[in-house]
Amino acid sequence: MPSQPSDVSYTVPGMSTQDSRRIIELLQMRLHSLNDLHLTLKHIHWNVVGPHFIAVHEMIDPQVDKVRDMTDDLAERISTLGGEPDGTPGALVRERTWDDYSIGRAEAIEHLGALDLVYTSVIEDHREAMKETETSDPVTQDILIEQLRGLELFQWFVRAHLESSGGKLSTRGATTETDAADRAAEQARKQP
């Protein structure tokens, strides 16, 4: 569970320190999530193999850079609200509510199948935080909305590799990264 934000003695004008503490807590978990996503994307970048290696390898790096920028925006917002962003690996591992990415060296389509589930989880949690800030902090909500725009675009890039011409995702119904990777690989084998 996330550590409690340090005693917030000030925040932005017009916001209570109680609201600020709650938003800082939300943003800290989003910061952990995006730091984890950044590392997961680099892991995929380094471990993707197969005939679509270069396409996926080169698609991932701009996502890494944009996600890293997103973490900076969240950390700066935490500080602006009077908090102290914690970007250490120990805090991420201690406070996260998800497991490490489970795919090692694998075909591009397998990584993309697993990454689709990763993006789904990050986006769902970002949307929840966005909803929670709707009335208490529209500035933070605006940051989250802009980040969602980028995250959803990146997921679309991933899903374009997983979608049939009929619009069906090969990862549909998958509940684990391994399951999603297997489904994506199976569908790829069926295509001519």
N, C-alpha and C. Protein backbone atom coordinates (compact mmCIF):
# COMPACT_ATOMS: atom_id res chain seq x y z
N MET A 1 0.84 -1.18 0.00
CA MET A 1 0.00 0.00 0.00
C MET A 1 0.88 1.24 0.00
N PRO A 2 0.44 2.29 -0.67
CA PRO A 2 1.29 3.48 -0.75
C PRO A 2 1.52 4.10 0.62
N SER A 3 2.73 4.61 0.78
CA SER A 3 3.02 5.32 2.02
C SER A 3 2.21 6.61 2.05
N GLN A 4 1.90 7.07 3.22
CA GLN A 4 1.16 8.32 3.35
C GLN A 4 2.04 9.48 2.91
N PRO A 5 1.44 10.43 2.17
CA PRO A 5 2.24 11.59 1.80
C PRO A 5 2.72 12.30 3.06
N SER A 6 3.91 12.88 2.95
CA SER A 6 4.42 13.62 4.10
C SER A 6 3.45 14.74 4.44
N ASP A 7 3.59 15.26 5.62
CA ASP A 7 2.70 16.33 6.08
C ASP A 7 2.74 17.48 5.07
N VAL A 8 1.61 17.73 4.45
CA VAL A 8 1.52 18.80 3.47
C VAL A 8 1.19 20.08 4.23
N SER A 9 2.16 20.98 4.30
CA SER A 9 1.95 22.21 5.05
C SER A 9 1.45 23.35 4.16
N TYR A 10 1.57 23.17 2.86
CA TYR A 10 1.03 24.15 1.92
C TYR A 10 0.60 23.41 0.66
N THR A 11 -0.22 24.07 -0.11
CA THR A 11 -0.62 23.54 -1.40
C THR A 11 -0.94 24.72 -2.30
N VAL A 12 -1.52 24.46 -3.44
CA VAL A 12 -1.85 25.55 -4.36
C VAL A 12 -3.01 26.36 -3.78
N PRO A 13 -3.07 27.64 -4.09
CA PRO A 13 -4.17 28.47 -3.59
C PRO A 13 -5.53 27.91 -4.02
N GLY A 14 -6.46 27.94 -3.09
CA GLY A 14 -7.82 27.49 -3.37
C GLY A 14 -8.05 26.00 -3.15
N MET A 15 -7.04 25.27 -2.72
CA MET A 15 -7.20 23.83 -2.47
C MET A 15 -6.85 23.54 -1.01
N SER A 16 -7.66 22.70 -0.39
CA SER A 16 -7.37 22.33 1.00
C SER A 16 -6.19 21.37 1.03
N THR A 17 -5.47 21.36 2.14
CA THR A 17 -4.35 20.41 2.27
C THR A 17 -4.87 18.98 2.30
N GLN A 18 -6.09 18.78 2.78
CA GLN A 18 -6.69 17.43 2.78
C GLN A 18 -6.89 16.95 1.34
N ASP A 19 -7.47 17.80 0.48
CA ASP A 19 -7.63 17.42 -0.93
C ASP A 19 -6.27 17.21 -1.59
N SER A 20 -5.34 18.06 -1.26
CA SER A 20 -4.01 17.96 -1.84
C SER A 20 -3.35 16.62 -1.47
N ARG A 21 -3.47 16.22 -0.21
CA ARG A 21 -2.89 14.93 0.22
C ARG A 21 -3.47 13.78 -0.58
N ARG A 22 -4.78 13.79 -0.79
CA ARG A 22 -5.42 12.71 -1.54
C ARG A 22 -4.95 12.70 -3.00
N ILE A 23 -4.84 13.86 -3.59
CA ILE A 23 -4.39 13.94 -4.98
C ILE A 23 -2.94 13.51 -5.10
N ILE A 24 -2.11 13.91 -4.13
CA ILE A 24 -0.72 13.49 -4.12
C ILE A 24 -0.63 11.96 -4.06
N GLU A 25 -1.45 11.35 -3.24
CA GLU A 25 -1.47 9.88 -3.13
C GLU A 25 -1.85 9.25 -4.47
N LEU A 26 -2.88 9.79 -5.12
CA LEU A 26 -3.29 9.29 -6.44
C LEU A 26 -2.15 9.43 -7.45
N LEU A 27 -1.55 10.62 -7.46
CA LEU A 27 -0.50 10.88 -8.43
C LEU A 27 0.74 10.04 -8.17
N GLN A 28 1.03 9.75 -6.91
CA GLN A 28 2.18 8.90 -6.59
C GLN A 28 2.01 7.51 -7.19
N MET A 29 0.80 6.97 -7.11
CA MET A 29 0.56 5.65 -7.71
C MET A 29 0.62 5.72 -9.23
N ARG A 30 0.15 6.81 -9.81
CA ARG A 30 0.27 6.99 -11.27
C ARG A 30 1.74 7.13 -11.65
N LEU A 31 2.52 7.82 -10.82
CA LEU A 31 3.96 7.95 -11.06
C LEU A 31 4.62 6.58 -11.03
N HIS A 32 4.29 5.77 -10.04
CA HIS A 32 4.83 4.40 -9.98
C HIS A 32 4.44 3.62 -11.24
N SER A 33 3.20 3.73 -11.62
CA SER A 33 2.70 2.99 -12.78
C SER A 33 3.45 3.39 -14.05
N LEU A 34 3.64 4.69 -14.25
CA LEU A 34 4.33 5.13 -15.46
C LEU A 34 5.83 4.85 -15.41
N ASN A 35 6.43 4.91 -14.22
CA ASN A 35 7.84 4.49 -14.12
C ASN A 35 7.97 3.01 -14.47
N ASP A 36 7.05 2.20 -14.00
CA ASP A 36 7.05 0.78 -14.32
C ASP A 36 6.83 0.57 -15.81
N LEU A 37 5.90 1.31 -16.40
CA LEU A 37 5.63 1.19 -17.84
C LEU A 37 6.87 1.56 -18.64
N HIS A 38 7.54 2.63 -18.25
CA HIS A 38 8.77 3.05 -18.92
C HIS A 38 9.79 1.91 -18.93
N LEU A 39 10.00 1.28 -17.79
CA LEU A 39 10.96 0.19 -17.70
C LEU A 39 10.50 -1.04 -18.48
N THR A 40 9.21 -1.31 -18.46
CA THR A 40 8.65 -2.44 -19.21
C THR A 40 8.84 -2.22 -20.71
N LEU A 41 8.58 -1.01 -21.16
CA LEU A 41 8.77 -0.72 -22.59
C LEU A 41 10.23 -0.91 -22.99
N LYS A 42 11.17 -0.46 -22.16
CA LYS A 42 12.59 -0.67 -22.48
C LYS A 42 12.92 -2.16 -22.48
N HIS A 43 12.36 -2.90 -21.53
CA HIS A 43 12.57 -4.35 -21.48
C HIS A 43 12.11 -4.99 -22.80
N ILE A 44 10.94 -4.60 -23.26
CA ILE A 44 10.42 -5.13 -24.52
C ILE A 44 11.35 -4.73 -25.67
N HIS A 45 11.76 -3.49 -25.70
CA HIS A 45 12.66 -2.97 -26.73
C HIS A 45 13.93 -3.82 -26.82
N TRP A 46 14.45 -4.24 -25.68
CA TRP A 46 15.69 -5.02 -25.66
C TRP A 46 15.47 -6.51 -25.94
N ASN A 47 14.26 -7.01 -25.72
CA ASN A 47 14.03 -8.46 -25.78
C ASN A 47 13.13 -8.92 -26.91
N VAL A 48 12.73 -8.04 -27.79
CA VAL A 48 11.88 -8.42 -28.92
C VAL A 48 12.75 -9.06 -30.01
N VAL A 49 12.25 -10.12 -30.60
CA VAL A 49 12.95 -10.81 -31.69
C VAL A 49 11.94 -11.19 -32.77
N GLY A 50 12.45 -11.70 -33.86
CA GLY A 50 11.58 -12.22 -34.91
C GLY A 50 11.50 -11.31 -36.12
N PRO A 51 10.67 -11.72 -37.07
CA PRO A 51 10.61 -11.01 -38.35
C PRO A 51 10.12 -9.56 -38.25
N HIS A 52 9.41 -9.22 -37.20
CA HIS A 52 8.91 -7.85 -37.04
C HIS A 52 9.73 -7.08 -36.00
N PHE A 53 10.93 -7.59 -35.73
CA PHE A 53 11.79 -6.99 -34.72
C PHE A 53 11.96 -5.48 -34.92
N ILE A 54 12.43 -5.06 -36.09
CA ILE A 54 12.80 -3.66 -36.26
C ILE A 54 11.59 -2.74 -36.15
N ALA A 55 10.44 -3.17 -36.66
CA ALA A 55 9.23 -2.33 -36.58
C ALA A 55 8.83 -2.10 -35.13
N VAL A 56 8.83 -3.16 -34.34
CA VAL A 56 8.43 -3.03 -32.94
C VAL A 56 9.53 -2.34 -32.14
N HIS A 57 10.76 -2.71 -32.38
CA HIS A 57 11.90 -2.09 -31.70
C HIS A 57 11.85 -0.57 -31.87
N GLU A 58 11.63 -0.12 -33.09
CA GLU A 58 11.60 1.32 -33.35
C GLU A 58 10.29 1.98 -32.92
N MET A 59 9.20 1.25 -32.86
CA MET A 59 7.93 1.80 -32.39
C MET A 59 7.98 2.08 -30.88
N ILE A 60 8.71 1.26 -30.16
CA ILE A 60 8.71 1.34 -28.70
C ILE A 60 9.49 2.54 -28.17
N ASP A 61 10.62 2.88 -28.74
CA ASP A 61 11.46 3.95 -28.19
C ASP A 61 10.75 5.30 -28.05
N PRO A 62 9.98 5.76 -29.04
CA PRO A 62 9.26 7.02 -28.83
C PRO A 62 8.24 6.93 -27.69
N GLN A 63 7.67 5.74 -27.50
CA GLN A 63 6.75 5.55 -26.38
C GLN A 63 7.49 5.67 -25.06
N VAL A 64 8.69 5.10 -24.99
CA VAL A 64 9.52 5.21 -23.79
C VAL A 64 9.75 6.68 -23.45
N ASP A 65 10.14 7.44 -24.45
CA ASP A 65 10.44 8.86 -24.22
C ASP A 65 9.22 9.63 -23.75
N LYS A 66 8.08 9.39 -24.35
CA LYS A 66 6.85 10.11 -23.98
C LYS A 66 6.39 9.72 -22.58
N VAL A 67 6.48 8.44 -22.26
CA VAL A 67 6.07 7.98 -20.92
C VAL A 67 7.01 8.57 -19.88
N ARG A 68 8.29 8.64 -20.18
CA ARG A 68 9.24 9.27 -19.25
C ARG A 68 8.87 10.74 -19.02
N ASP A 69 8.47 11.44 -20.08
CA ASP A 69 8.02 12.83 -19.93
C ASP A 69 6.78 12.91 -19.05
N MET A 70 5.89 11.93 -19.19
CA MET A 70 4.68 11.90 -18.36
C MET A 70 5.03 11.78 -16.88
N THR A 71 6.04 10.97 -16.57
CA THR A 71 6.43 10.83 -15.16
C THR A 71 6.94 12.15 -14.61
N ASP A 72 7.65 12.88 -15.42
CA ASP A 72 8.16 14.18 -14.98
C ASP A 72 7.00 15.13 -14.69
N ASP A 73 6.00 15.13 -15.55
CA ASP A 73 4.83 15.98 -15.32
C ASP A 73 4.13 15.64 -14.00
N LEU A 74 3.99 14.34 -13.71
CA LEU A 74 3.34 13.93 -12.47
C LEU A 74 4.18 14.31 -11.25
N ALA A 75 5.47 14.06 -11.33
CA ALA A 75 6.34 14.40 -10.20
C ALA A 75 6.32 15.91 -9.92
N GLU A 76 6.33 16.70 -10.97
CA GLU A 76 6.27 18.15 -10.79
C GLU A 76 4.93 18.59 -10.21
N ARG A 77 3.85 17.92 -10.59
CA ARG A 77 2.54 18.27 -10.03
C ARG A 77 2.49 17.91 -8.55
N ILE A 78 3.05 16.76 -8.18
CA ILE A 78 3.11 16.38 -6.77
C ILE A 78 3.84 17.45 -5.98
N SER A 79 4.97 17.91 -6.48
CA SER A 79 5.73 18.96 -5.79
C SER A 79 4.95 20.26 -5.73
N THR A 80 4.27 20.61 -6.80
CA THR A 80 3.47 21.84 -6.84
C THR A 80 2.38 21.81 -5.78
N LEU A 81 1.83 20.63 -5.52
CA LEU A 81 0.77 20.47 -4.53
C LEU A 81 1.32 20.42 -3.10
N GLY A 82 2.63 20.51 -2.95
CA GLY A 82 3.24 20.51 -1.62
C GLY A 82 3.75 19.15 -1.19
N GLY A 83 3.75 18.19 -2.10
CA GLY A 83 4.20 16.84 -1.77
C GLY A 83 5.63 16.58 -2.17
N GLU A 84 6.04 15.36 -1.95
CA GLU A 84 7.39 14.92 -2.25
C GLU A 84 7.30 13.67 -3.12
N PRO A 85 7.53 13.80 -4.44
CA PRO A 85 7.43 12.62 -5.30
C PRO A 85 8.52 11.61 -4.96
N ASP A 86 8.16 10.35 -4.97
CA ASP A 86 9.10 9.27 -4.67
C ASP A 86 9.27 8.42 -5.92
N GLY A 87 10.40 8.57 -6.57
CA GLY A 87 10.67 7.83 -7.79
C GLY A 87 11.69 6.74 -7.63
N THR A 88 11.92 6.29 -6.42
CA THR A 88 12.92 5.25 -6.21
C THR A 88 12.37 3.87 -6.58
N PRO A 89 13.25 2.99 -7.05
CA PRO A 89 12.80 1.63 -7.38
C PRO A 89 12.20 0.91 -6.17
N GLY A 90 12.79 1.14 -5.00
CA GLY A 90 12.27 0.47 -3.79
C GLY A 90 10.84 0.87 -3.49
N ALA A 91 10.53 2.15 -3.62
CA ALA A 91 9.16 2.61 -3.38
C ALA A 91 8.21 2.02 -4.40
N LEU A 92 8.64 1.98 -5.66
CA LEU A 92 7.79 1.40 -6.71
C LEU A 92 7.46 -0.05 -6.38
N VAL A 93 8.47 -0.84 -6.08
CA VAL A 93 8.26 -2.26 -5.80
C VAL A 93 7.43 -2.45 -4.53
N ARG A 94 7.69 -1.66 -3.53
CA ARG A 94 6.99 -1.78 -2.25
C ARG A 94 5.51 -1.39 -2.37
N GLU A 95 5.20 -0.38 -3.16
CA GLU A 95 3.86 0.18 -3.18
C GLU A 95 2.99 -0.25 -4.36
N ARG A 96 3.57 -0.86 -5.36
CA ARG A 96 2.76 -1.23 -6.53
C ARG A 96 1.76 -2.32 -6.18
N THR A 97 0.72 -2.40 -6.98
CA THR A 97 -0.34 -3.39 -6.77
C THR A 97 -0.38 -4.39 -7.93
N TRP A 98 0.66 -4.47 -8.72
CA TRP A 98 0.74 -5.34 -9.88
C TRP A 98 2.07 -6.08 -9.85
N ASP A 99 2.15 -7.15 -10.64
CA ASP A 99 3.36 -7.96 -10.74
C ASP A 99 4.27 -7.43 -11.83
N ASP A 100 5.52 -7.87 -11.81
CA ASP A 100 6.46 -7.54 -12.88
C ASP A 100 5.95 -8.08 -14.21
N TYR A 101 6.36 -7.44 -15.27
CA TYR A 101 6.09 -7.91 -16.63
C TYR A 101 6.67 -9.31 -16.75
N SER A 102 5.91 -10.22 -17.35
CA SER A 102 6.26 -11.63 -17.26
C SER A 102 6.89 -12.24 -18.51
N ILE A 103 7.09 -11.48 -19.57
CA ILE A 103 7.61 -12.04 -20.81
C ILE A 103 9.07 -11.63 -20.98
N GLY A 104 9.92 -12.61 -21.27
CA GLY A 104 11.33 -12.32 -21.53
C GLY A 104 11.57 -12.19 -23.02
N ARG A 105 12.64 -12.79 -23.49
CA ARG A 105 12.94 -12.77 -24.93
C ARG A 105 11.83 -13.50 -25.66
N ALA A 106 11.19 -12.79 -26.62
CA ALA A 106 10.05 -13.40 -27.31
C ALA A 106 9.81 -12.70 -28.65
N GLU A 107 9.03 -13.36 -29.47
CA GLU A 107 8.63 -12.80 -30.77
C GLU A 107 7.90 -11.48 -30.55
N ALA A 108 8.02 -10.62 -31.53
CA ALA A 108 7.38 -9.29 -31.46
C ALA A 108 5.89 -9.39 -31.15
N ILE A 109 5.20 -10.28 -31.81
CA ILE A 109 3.75 -10.38 -31.63
C ILE A 109 3.39 -10.83 -30.21
N GLU A 110 4.22 -11.64 -29.60
CA GLU A 110 3.98 -12.07 -28.23
C GLU A 110 4.11 -10.89 -27.27
N HIS A 111 5.18 -10.10 -27.45
CA HIS A 111 5.34 -8.91 -26.61
C HIS A 111 4.19 -7.94 -26.81
N LEU A 112 3.75 -7.76 -28.04
CA LEU A 112 2.66 -6.83 -28.29
C LEU A 112 1.36 -7.32 -27.65
N GLY A 113 1.13 -8.62 -27.66
CA GLY A 113 -0.05 -9.17 -26.99
C GLY A 113 -0.02 -8.88 -25.50
N ALA A 114 1.11 -9.11 -24.88
CA ALA A 114 1.25 -8.84 -23.44
C ALA A 114 1.18 -7.34 -23.16
N LEU A 115 1.81 -6.53 -24.02
CA LEU A 115 1.81 -5.09 -23.83
C LEU A 115 0.40 -4.51 -23.94
N ASP A 116 -0.44 -5.10 -24.75
CA ASP A 116 -1.83 -4.65 -24.83
C ASP A 116 -2.50 -4.71 -23.46
N LEU A 117 -2.27 -5.80 -22.72
CA LEU A 117 -2.84 -5.91 -21.37
C LEU A 117 -2.21 -4.91 -20.41
N VAL A 118 -0.92 -4.66 -20.54
CA VAL A 118 -0.25 -3.67 -19.69
C VAL A 118 -0.88 -2.31 -19.92
N TYR A 119 -1.02 -1.92 -21.18
CA TYR A 119 -1.63 -0.62 -21.48
C TYR A 119 -3.06 -0.56 -20.96
N THR A 120 -3.82 -1.62 -21.10
CA THR A 120 -5.20 -1.62 -20.60
C THR A 120 -5.23 -1.31 -19.11
N SER A 121 -4.37 -1.94 -18.35
CA SER A 121 -4.33 -1.73 -16.90
C SER A 121 -3.93 -0.31 -16.55
N VAL A 122 -2.89 0.20 -17.20
CA VAL A 122 -2.42 1.57 -16.92
C VAL A 122 -3.52 2.57 -17.27
N ILE A 123 -4.15 2.39 -18.41
CA ILE A 123 -5.20 3.31 -18.86
C ILE A 123 -6.40 3.28 -17.93
N GLU A 124 -6.82 2.09 -17.54
CA GLU A 124 -7.97 2.00 -16.61
C GLU A 124 -7.68 2.73 -15.30
N ASP A 125 -6.50 2.52 -14.75
CA ASP A 125 -6.15 3.19 -13.49
C ASP A 125 -6.00 4.70 -13.67
N HIS A 126 -5.47 5.13 -14.79
CA HIS A 126 -5.36 6.55 -15.08
C HIS A 126 -6.75 7.18 -15.19
N ARG A 127 -7.67 6.46 -15.82
CA ARG A 127 -9.04 6.97 -15.95
C ARG A 127 -9.71 7.11 -14.58
N GLU A 128 -9.47 6.15 -13.70
CA GLU A 128 -10.04 6.25 -12.34
C GLU A 128 -9.50 7.48 -11.62
N ALA A 129 -8.20 7.71 -11.73
CA ALA A 129 -7.61 8.90 -11.10
C ALA A 129 -8.17 10.17 -11.73
N MET A 130 -8.37 10.15 -13.04
CA MET A 130 -8.93 11.31 -13.72
C MET A 130 -10.33 11.62 -13.18
N LYS A 131 -11.14 10.58 -13.03
CA LYS A 131 -12.50 10.77 -12.50
C LYS A 131 -12.47 11.32 -11.08
N GLU A 132 -11.53 10.82 -10.29
CA GLU A 132 -11.46 11.22 -8.89
C GLU A 132 -11.02 12.68 -8.72
N THR A 133 -10.33 13.21 -9.70
CA THR A 133 -9.87 14.61 -9.60
C THR A 133 -10.83 15.59 -10.28
N GLU A 134 -11.91 15.10 -10.81
CA GLU A 134 -12.83 15.95 -11.60
C GLU A 134 -13.30 17.18 -10.84
N THR A 135 -13.73 17.01 -9.61
CA THR A 135 -14.24 18.16 -8.86
C THR A 135 -13.20 18.77 -7.94
N SER A 136 -12.22 17.98 -7.51
CA SER A 136 -11.26 18.50 -6.54
C SER A 136 -10.08 19.23 -7.17
N ASP A 137 -9.69 18.86 -8.39
CA ASP A 137 -8.52 19.49 -8.99
C ASP A 137 -8.53 19.35 -10.51
N PRO A 138 -9.21 20.27 -11.20
CA PRO A 138 -9.27 20.19 -12.66
C PRO A 138 -7.90 20.35 -13.33
N VAL A 139 -6.94 20.98 -12.67
CA VAL A 139 -5.60 21.11 -13.26
C VAL A 139 -4.95 19.73 -13.35
N THR A 140 -5.00 18.97 -12.26
CA THR A 140 -4.47 17.60 -12.28
C THR A 140 -5.26 16.75 -13.26
N GLN A 141 -6.56 16.91 -13.28
CA GLN A 141 -7.37 16.15 -14.22
C GLN A 141 -6.94 16.43 -15.66
N ASP A 142 -6.64 17.69 -15.97
CA ASP A 142 -6.19 18.05 -17.31
C ASP A 142 -4.89 17.34 -17.67
N ILE A 143 -3.97 17.24 -16.72
CA ILE A 143 -2.72 16.53 -16.95
C ILE A 143 -3.01 15.06 -17.25
N LEU A 144 -3.88 14.45 -16.46
CA LEU A 144 -4.21 13.04 -16.65
C LEU A 144 -4.92 12.81 -17.99
N ILE A 145 -5.80 13.73 -18.37
CA ILE A 145 -6.49 13.61 -19.66
C ILE A 145 -5.47 13.65 -20.80
N GLU A 146 -4.55 14.57 -20.74
CA GLU A 146 -3.53 14.67 -21.79
C GLU A 146 -2.68 13.39 -21.83
N GLN A 147 -2.35 12.86 -20.67
CA GLN A 147 -1.57 11.62 -20.65
C GLN A 147 -2.39 10.46 -21.20
N LEU A 148 -3.66 10.42 -20.90
CA LEU A 148 -4.53 9.37 -21.45
C LEU A 148 -4.56 9.43 -22.96
N ARG A 149 -4.57 10.61 -23.50
CA ARG A 149 -4.56 10.76 -24.97
C ARG A 149 -3.33 10.04 -25.54
N GLY A 150 -2.18 10.24 -24.94
CA GLY A 150 -0.97 9.58 -25.42
C GLY A 150 -0.98 8.08 -25.17
N LEU A 151 -1.38 7.67 -23.98
CA LEU A 151 -1.40 6.24 -23.65
C LEU A 151 -2.36 5.47 -24.54
N GLU A 152 -3.53 6.05 -24.80
CA GLU A 152 -4.50 5.38 -25.67
C GLU A 152 -4.00 5.30 -27.11
N LEU A 153 -3.28 6.32 -27.56
CA LEU A 153 -2.69 6.29 -28.89
C LEU A 153 -1.65 5.17 -28.98
N PHE A 154 -0.80 5.07 -27.96
CA PHE A 154 0.21 4.01 -27.96
C PHE A 154 -0.43 2.63 -27.97
N GLN A 155 -1.54 2.48 -27.22
CA GLN A 155 -2.22 1.18 -27.23
C GLN A 155 -2.79 0.89 -28.61
N TRP A 156 -3.29 1.90 -29.26
CA TRP A 156 -3.80 1.71 -30.62
C TRP A 156 -2.69 1.23 -31.55
N PHE A 157 -1.48 1.82 -31.42
CA PHE A 157 -0.34 1.37 -32.22
C PHE A 157 -0.08 -0.12 -31.98
N VAL A 158 -0.13 -0.53 -30.72
CA VAL A 158 0.09 -1.93 -30.37
C VAL A 158 -1.03 -2.79 -30.94
N ARG A 159 -2.27 -2.36 -30.73
CA ARG A 159 -3.41 -3.15 -31.17
C ARG A 159 -3.50 -3.28 -32.69
N ALA A 160 -2.96 -2.35 -33.43
CA ALA A 160 -2.97 -2.45 -34.89
C ALA A 160 -2.26 -3.72 -35.35
N HIS A 161 -1.31 -4.19 -34.56
CA HIS A 161 -0.59 -5.44 -34.87
C HIS A 161 -1.38 -6.68 -34.45
N LEU A 162 -2.36 -6.48 -33.59
CA LEU A 162 -3.10 -7.60 -33.00
C LEU A 162 -4.51 -7.75 -33.56
N GLU A 163 -4.90 -6.82 -34.41
CA GLU A 163 -6.27 -6.76 -34.90
C GLU A 163 -6.39 -7.44 -36.27
N SER A 164 -7.47 -8.20 -36.44
CA SER A 164 -7.75 -8.80 -37.74
C SER A 164 -8.42 -7.75 -38.63
N SER A 165 -8.51 -8.04 -39.91
CA SER A 165 -9.18 -7.09 -40.82
C SER A 165 -10.66 -6.95 -40.47
N GLY A 166 -11.20 -7.90 -39.75
CA GLY A 166 -12.59 -7.82 -39.29
C GLY A 166 -12.75 -7.07 -37.98
N GLY A 167 -11.65 -6.59 -37.42
CA GLY A 167 -11.71 -5.79 -36.20
C GLY A 167 -11.63 -6.57 -34.90
N LYS A 168 -11.28 -7.84 -34.95
CA LYS A 168 -11.19 -8.64 -33.74
C LYS A 168 -9.75 -8.64 -33.22
N LEU A 169 -9.61 -8.36 -31.92
CA LEU A 169 -8.30 -8.40 -31.28
C LEU A 169 -7.94 -9.84 -30.92
N SER A 170 -6.72 -10.22 -31.24
CA SER A 170 -6.28 -11.57 -30.91
C SER A 170 -6.18 -11.77 -29.40
N THR A 171 -6.02 -10.69 -28.64
CA THR A 171 -5.86 -10.79 -27.19
C THR A 171 -7.20 -10.74 -26.45
N ARG A 172 -8.28 -10.63 -27.17
CA ARG A 172 -9.60 -10.52 -26.54
C ARG A 172 -9.83 -11.70 -25.58
N GLY A 173 -10.21 -11.36 -24.36
CA GLY A 173 -10.50 -12.37 -23.35
C GLY A 173 -9.29 -12.83 -22.56
N ALA A 174 -8.10 -12.42 -22.94
CA ALA A 174 -6.90 -12.82 -22.21
C ALA A 174 -6.89 -12.13 -20.84
N THR A 175 -6.46 -12.87 -19.84
CA THR A 175 -6.43 -12.31 -18.48
C THR A 175 -5.03 -12.19 -17.90
N THR A 176 -4.05 -12.79 -18.57
CA THR A 176 -2.67 -12.68 -18.12
C THR A 176 -1.80 -12.30 -19.31
N GLU A 177 -0.63 -11.76 -19.03
CA GLU A 177 0.29 -11.40 -20.10
C GLU A 177 0.69 -12.63 -20.92
N THR A 178 0.93 -13.73 -20.25
CA THR A 178 1.32 -14.96 -20.94
C THR A 178 0.19 -15.44 -21.85
N ASP A 179 -1.04 -15.39 -21.34
CA ASP A 179 -2.20 -15.78 -22.14
C ASP A 179 -2.34 -14.87 -23.36
N ALA A 180 -2.19 -13.57 -23.16
CA ALA A 180 -2.28 -12.61 -24.27
C ALA A 180 -1.18 -12.86 -25.29
N ALA A 181 0.04 -13.13 -24.82
CA ALA A 181 1.15 -13.41 -25.72
C ALA A 181 0.87 -14.67 -26.53
N ASP A 182 0.36 -15.71 -25.88
CA ASP A 182 0.05 -16.97 -26.57
C ASP A 182 -1.05 -16.78 -27.60
N ARG A 183 -2.09 -16.03 -27.24
CA ARG A 183 -3.20 -15.79 -28.18
C ARG A 183 -2.73 -15.00 -29.40
N ALA A 184 -1.90 -13.99 -29.16
CA ALA A 184 -1.39 -13.20 -30.27
C ALA A 184 -0.53 -14.05 -31.19
N ALA A 185 0.31 -14.90 -30.63
CA ALA A 185 1.17 -15.78 -31.44
C ALA A 185 0.34 -16.78 -32.21
N GLU A 186 -0.69 -17.33 -31.58
CA GLU A 186 -1.56 -18.30 -32.25
C GLU A 186 -2.27 -17.67 -33.45
N GLN A 187 -2.78 -16.47 -33.25
CA GLN A 187 -3.46 -15.78 -34.34
C GLN A 187 -2.49 -15.46 -35.47
N ALA A 188 -1.28 -15.07 -35.13
CA ALA A 188 -0.27 -14.77 -36.16
C ALA A 188 0.08 -16.00 -36.98
N ARG A 189 0.11 -17.17 -36.35
CA ARG A 189 0.41 -18.41 -37.07
C ARG A 189 -0.70 -18.77 -38.04
N LYS A 190 -1.93 -18.39 -37.73
CA LYS A 190 -3.07 -18.70 -38.60
C LYS A 190 -3.12 -17.81 -39.84
N GLN A 191 -2.50 -16.64 -39.78
CA GLN A 191 -2.54 -15.72 -40.92
C GLN A 191 -1.55 -16.17 -41.98
N PRO A 192 -1.94 -16.01 -43.26
CA PRO A 192 -1.05 -16.46 -44.34
C PRO A 192 0.22 -15.64 -44.43
